[in-house]
Amino acid sequence: MLEVGTQAPDFSVAAHDGSTVTLAELRGKKVVLWFYPKANTGG
């Protein structure tokens, strides 16, 4: 768990178009991360 003020480590995610995006590619831009805890689950 990161503490407030700690920089996020670099990571990569799949974009909606199938490409891969890394946090490093977005450096200097505003980024909003949205997580769906129950996405793709039966709950």
PDB file of N, CA and C in Angstrom:
ATOM      1  N   MET A   1       0.844  -1.167   0.000  1.00  0.00           N
ATOM      2  CA  MET A   1       0.000   0.000   0.000  1.00  0.00           C
ATOM      3  C   MET A   1       0.894   1.237   0.000  1.00  0.00           C
ATOM      4  N   LEU A   2       0.601   2.157  -0.898  1.00  0.00           N
ATOM      5  CA  LEU A   2       1.358   3.405  -0.953  1.00  0.00           C
ATOM      6  C   LEU A   2       0.817   4.383   0.076  1.00  0.00           C
ATOM      7  N   GLU A   3       1.701   5.187   0.612  1.00  0.00           N
ATOM      8  CA  GLU A   3       1.284   6.233   1.529  1.00  0.00           C
ATOM      9  C   GLU A   3       1.063   7.514   0.741  1.00  0.00           C
ATOM     10  N   VAL A   4       0.270   8.411   1.287  1.00  0.00           N
ATOM     11  CA  VAL A   4      -0.006   9.692   0.635  1.00  0.00           C
ATOM     12  C   VAL A   4       1.318  10.392   0.351  1.00  0.00           C
ATOM     13  N   GLY A   5       1.469  10.884  -0.869  1.00  0.00           N
ATOM     14  CA  GLY A   5       2.676  11.587  -1.273  1.00  0.00           C
ATOM     15  C   GLY A   5       3.730  10.709  -1.913  1.00  0.00           C
ATOM     16  N   THR A   6       3.559   9.391  -1.850  1.00  0.00           N
ATOM     17  CA  THR A   6       4.508   8.468  -2.465  1.00  0.00           C
ATOM     18  C   THR A   6       4.229   8.378  -3.961  1.00  0.00           C
ATOM     19  N   GLN A   7       5.279   8.429  -4.768  1.00  0.00           N
ATOM     20  CA  GLN A   7       5.091   8.287  -6.206  1.00  0.00           C
ATOM     21  C   GLN A   7       4.696   6.858  -6.538  1.00  0.00           C
ATOM     22  N   ALA A   8       3.789   6.731  -7.484  1.00  0.00           N
ATOM     23  CA  ALA A   8       3.358   5.402  -7.926  1.00  0.00           C
ATOM     24  C   ALA A   8       4.480   4.752  -8.732  1.00  0.00           C
ATOM     25  N   PRO A   9       4.691   3.455  -8.567  1.00  0.00           N
ATOM     26  CA  PRO A   9       5.691   2.757  -9.377  1.00  0.00           C
ATOM     27  C   PRO A   9       5.197   2.639 -10.816  1.00  0.00           C
ATOM     28  N   ASP A  10       6.124   2.505 -11.751  1.00  0.00           N
ATOM     29  CA  ASP A  10       5.723   2.338 -13.147  1.00  0.00           C
ATOM     30  C   ASP A  10       5.007   0.998 -13.308  1.00  0.00           C
ATOM     31  N   PHE A  11       3.984   0.979 -14.126  1.00  0.00           N
ATOM     32  CA  PHE A  11       3.256  -0.251 -14.420  1.00  0.00           C
ATOM     33  C   PHE A  11       2.657  -0.123 -15.806  1.00  0.00           C
ATOM     34  N   SER A  12       2.178  -1.228 -16.348  1.00  0.00           N
ATOM     35  CA  SER A  12       1.540  -1.199 -17.663  1.00  0.00           C
ATOM     36  C   SER A  12       0.153  -1.813 -17.559  1.00  0.00           C
ATOM     37  N   VAL A  13      -0.739  -1.320 -18.402  1.00  0.00           N
ATOM     38  CA  VAL A  13      -2.117  -1.811 -18.447  1.00  0.00           C
ATOM     39  C   VAL A  13      -2.555  -1.918 -19.901  1.00  0.00           C
ATOM     40  N   ALA A  14      -3.560  -2.738 -20.140  1.00  0.00           N
ATOM     41  CA  ALA A  14      -4.139  -2.861 -21.480  1.00  0.00           C
ATOM     42  C   ALA A  14      -5.151  -1.739 -21.676  1.00  0.00           C
ATOM     43  N   ALA A  15      -5.045  -1.039 -22.783  1.00  0.00           N
ATOM     44  CA  ALA A  15      -5.981   0.028 -23.127  1.00  0.00           C
ATOM     45  C   ALA A  15      -7.193  -0.566 -23.840  1.00  0.00           C
ATOM     46  N   HIS A  16      -8.229   0.248 -24.008  1.00  0.00           N
ATOM     47  CA  HIS A  16      -9.468  -0.225 -24.637  1.00  0.00           C
ATOM     48  C   HIS A  16      -9.261  -0.693 -26.074  1.00  0.00           C
ATOM     49  N   ASP A  17      -8.204  -0.195 -26.734  1.00  0.00           N
ATOM     50  CA  ASP A  17      -7.959  -0.576 -28.131  1.00  0.00           C
ATOM     51  C   ASP A  17      -6.998  -1.760 -28.265  1.00  0.00           C
ATOM     52  N   GLY A  18      -6.625  -2.355 -27.123  1.00  0.00           N
ATOM     53  CA  GLY A  18      -5.737  -3.508 -27.150  1.00  0.00           C
ATOM     54  C   GLY A  18      -4.261  -3.170 -27.027  1.00  0.00           C
ATOM     55  N   SER A  19      -3.926  -1.890 -27.094  1.00  0.00           N
ATOM     56  CA  SER A  19      -2.525  -1.495 -26.929  1.00  0.00           C
ATOM     57  C   SER A  19      -2.153  -1.521 -25.450  1.00  0.00           C
ATOM     58  N   THR A  20      -0.871  -1.405 -25.180  1.00  0.00           N
ATOM     59  CA  THR A  20      -0.391  -1.361 -23.804  1.00  0.00           C
ATOM     60  C   THR A  20       0.065   0.054 -23.491  1.00  0.00           C
ATOM     61  N   VAL A  21      -0.324   0.543 -22.334  1.00  0.00           N
ATOM     62  CA  VAL A  21       0.047   1.886 -21.890  1.00  0.00           C
ATOM     63  C   VAL A  21       0.813   1.753 -20.583  1.00  0.00           C
ATOM     64  N   THR A  22       1.922   2.476 -20.469  1.00  0.00           N
ATOM     65  CA  THR A  22       2.671   2.478 -19.212  1.00  0.00           C
ATOM     66  C   THR A  22       2.505   3.825 -18.525  1.00  0.00           C
ATOM     67  N   LEU A  23       2.655   3.812 -17.220  1.00  0.00           N
ATOM     68  CA  LEU A  23       2.562   5.059 -16.472  1.00  0.00           C
ATOM     69  C   LEU A  23       3.670   6.013 -16.905  1.00  0.00           C
ATOM     70  N   ALA A  24       4.839   5.480 -17.222  1.00  0.00           N
ATOM     71  CA  ALA A  24       5.963   6.313 -17.655  1.00  0.00           C
ATOM     72  C   ALA A  24       5.620   7.095 -18.923  1.00  0.00           C
ATOM     73  N   GLU A  25       4.833   6.504 -19.824  1.00  0.00           N
ATOM     74  CA  GLU A  25       4.434   7.188 -21.061  1.00  0.00           C
ATOM     75  C   GLU A  25       3.553   8.398 -20.775  1.00  0.00           C
ATOM     76  N   LEU A  26       2.910   8.400 -19.630  1.00  0.00           N
ATOM     77  CA  LEU A  26       1.976   9.472 -19.283  1.00  0.00           C
ATOM     78  C   LEU A  26       2.593  10.507 -18.351  1.00  0.00           C
ATOM     79  N   ARG A  27       3.877  10.381 -18.074  1.00  0.00           N
ATOM     80  CA  ARG A  27       4.553  11.316 -17.170  1.00  0.00           C
ATOM     81  C   ARG A  27       4.330  12.752 -17.637  1.00  0.00           C
ATOM     82  N   GLY A  28       3.963  13.629 -16.713  1.00  0.00           N
ATOM     83  CA  GLY A  28       3.715  15.032 -17.022  1.00  0.00           C
ATOM     84  C   GLY A  28       2.273  15.320 -17.397  1.00  0.00           C
ATOM     85  N   LYS A  29       1.461  14.270 -17.537  1.00  0.00           N
ATOM     86  CA  LYS A  29       0.048  14.433 -17.869  1.00  0.00           C
ATOM     87  C   LYS A  29      -0.797  14.090 -16.649  1.00  0.00           C
ATOM     88  N   LYS A  30      -2.005  14.599 -16.621  1.00  0.00           N
ATOM     89  CA  LYS A  30      -2.923  14.245 -15.544  1.00  0.00           C
ATOM     90  C   LYS A  30      -3.481  12.857 -15.820  1.00  0.00           C
ATOM     91  N   VAL A  31      -3.482  12.003 -14.800  1.00  0.00           N
ATOM     92  CA  VAL A  31      -3.919  10.615 -14.949  1.00  0.00           C
ATOM     93  C   VAL A  31      -4.946  10.298 -13.878  1.00  0.00           C
ATOM     94  N   VAL A  32      -6.050   9.692 -14.285  1.00  0.00           N
ATOM     95  CA  VAL A  32      -7.057   9.209 -13.342  1.00  0.00           C
ATOM     96  C   VAL A  32      -7.121   7.696 -13.489  1.00  0.00           C
ATOM     97  N   LEU A  33      -6.948   6.989 -12.396  1.00  0.00           N
ATOM     98  CA  LEU A  33      -7.049   5.527 -12.401  1.00  0.00           C
ATOM     99  C   LEU A  33      -8.378   5.145 -11.782  1.00  0.00           C
ATOM    100  N   TRP A  34      -9.121   4.300 -12.472  1.00  0.00           N
ATOM    101  CA  TRP A  34     -10.437   3.877 -12.009  1.00  0.00           C
ATOM    102  C   TRP A  34     -10.426   2.361 -11.926  1.00  0.00           C
ATOM    103  N   PHE A  35     -10.689   1.839 -10.749  1.00  0.00           N
ATOM    104  CA  PHE A  35     -10.668   0.398 -10.535  1.00  0.00           C
ATOM    105  C   PHE A  35     -12.076  -0.110 -10.284  1.00  0.00           C
ATOM    106  N   TYR A  36     -12.402  -1.236 -10.868  1.00  0.00           N
ATOM    107  CA  TYR A  36     -13.681  -1.898 -10.657  1.00  0.00           C
ATOM    108  C   TYR A  36     -13.404  -3.179  -9.878  1.00  0.00           C
ATOM    109  N   PRO A  37     -13.585  -3.166  -8.555  1.00  0.00           N
ATOM    110  CA  PRO A  37     -13.221  -4.341  -7.765  1.00  0.00           C
ATOM    111  C   PRO A  37     -13.986  -5.606  -8.120  1.00  0.00           C
ATOM    112  N   LYS A  38     -15.199  -5.489  -8.615  1.00  0.00           N
ATOM    113  CA  LYS A  38     -15.982  -6.688  -8.922  1.00  0.00           C
ATOM    114  C   LYS A  38     -16.128  -6.924 -10.422  1.00  0.00           C
ATOM    115  N   ALA A  39     -15.340  -6.230 -11.226  1.00  0.00           N
ATOM    116  CA  ALA A  39     -15.437  -6.405 -12.669  1.00  0.00           C
ATOM    117  C   ALA A  39     -15.105  -7.846 -13.048  1.00  0.00           C
ATOM    118  N   ASN A  40     -15.853  -8.381 -13.961  1.00  0.00           N
ATOM    119  CA  ASN A  40     -15.651  -9.744 -14.466  1.00  0.00           C
ATOM    120  C   ASN A  40     -15.772 -10.814 -13.383  1.00  0.00           C
ATOM    121  N   THR A  41     -16.603 -10.553 -12.385  1.00  0.00           N
ATOM    122  CA  THR A  41     -16.848 -11.555 -11.349  1.00  0.00           C
ATOM    123  C   THR A  41     -18.344 -11.807 -11.244  1.00  0.00           C
ATOM    124  N   GLY A  42     -18.698 -12.876 -10.605  1.00  0.00           N
ATOM    125  CA  GLY A  42     -20.109 -13.213 -10.424  1.00  0.00           C
ATOM    126  C   GLY A  42     -20.774 -12.436  -9.302  1.00  0.00           C
ATOM    127  N   GLY A  43     -20.001 -11.680  -8.510  1.00  0.00           N
ATOM    128  CA  GLY A  43     -20.542 -10.973  -7.357  1.00  0.00           C
ATOM    129  C   GLY A  43     -20.968  -9.631  -7.694  1.00  0.00           C
TER     130      GLY A  43
END
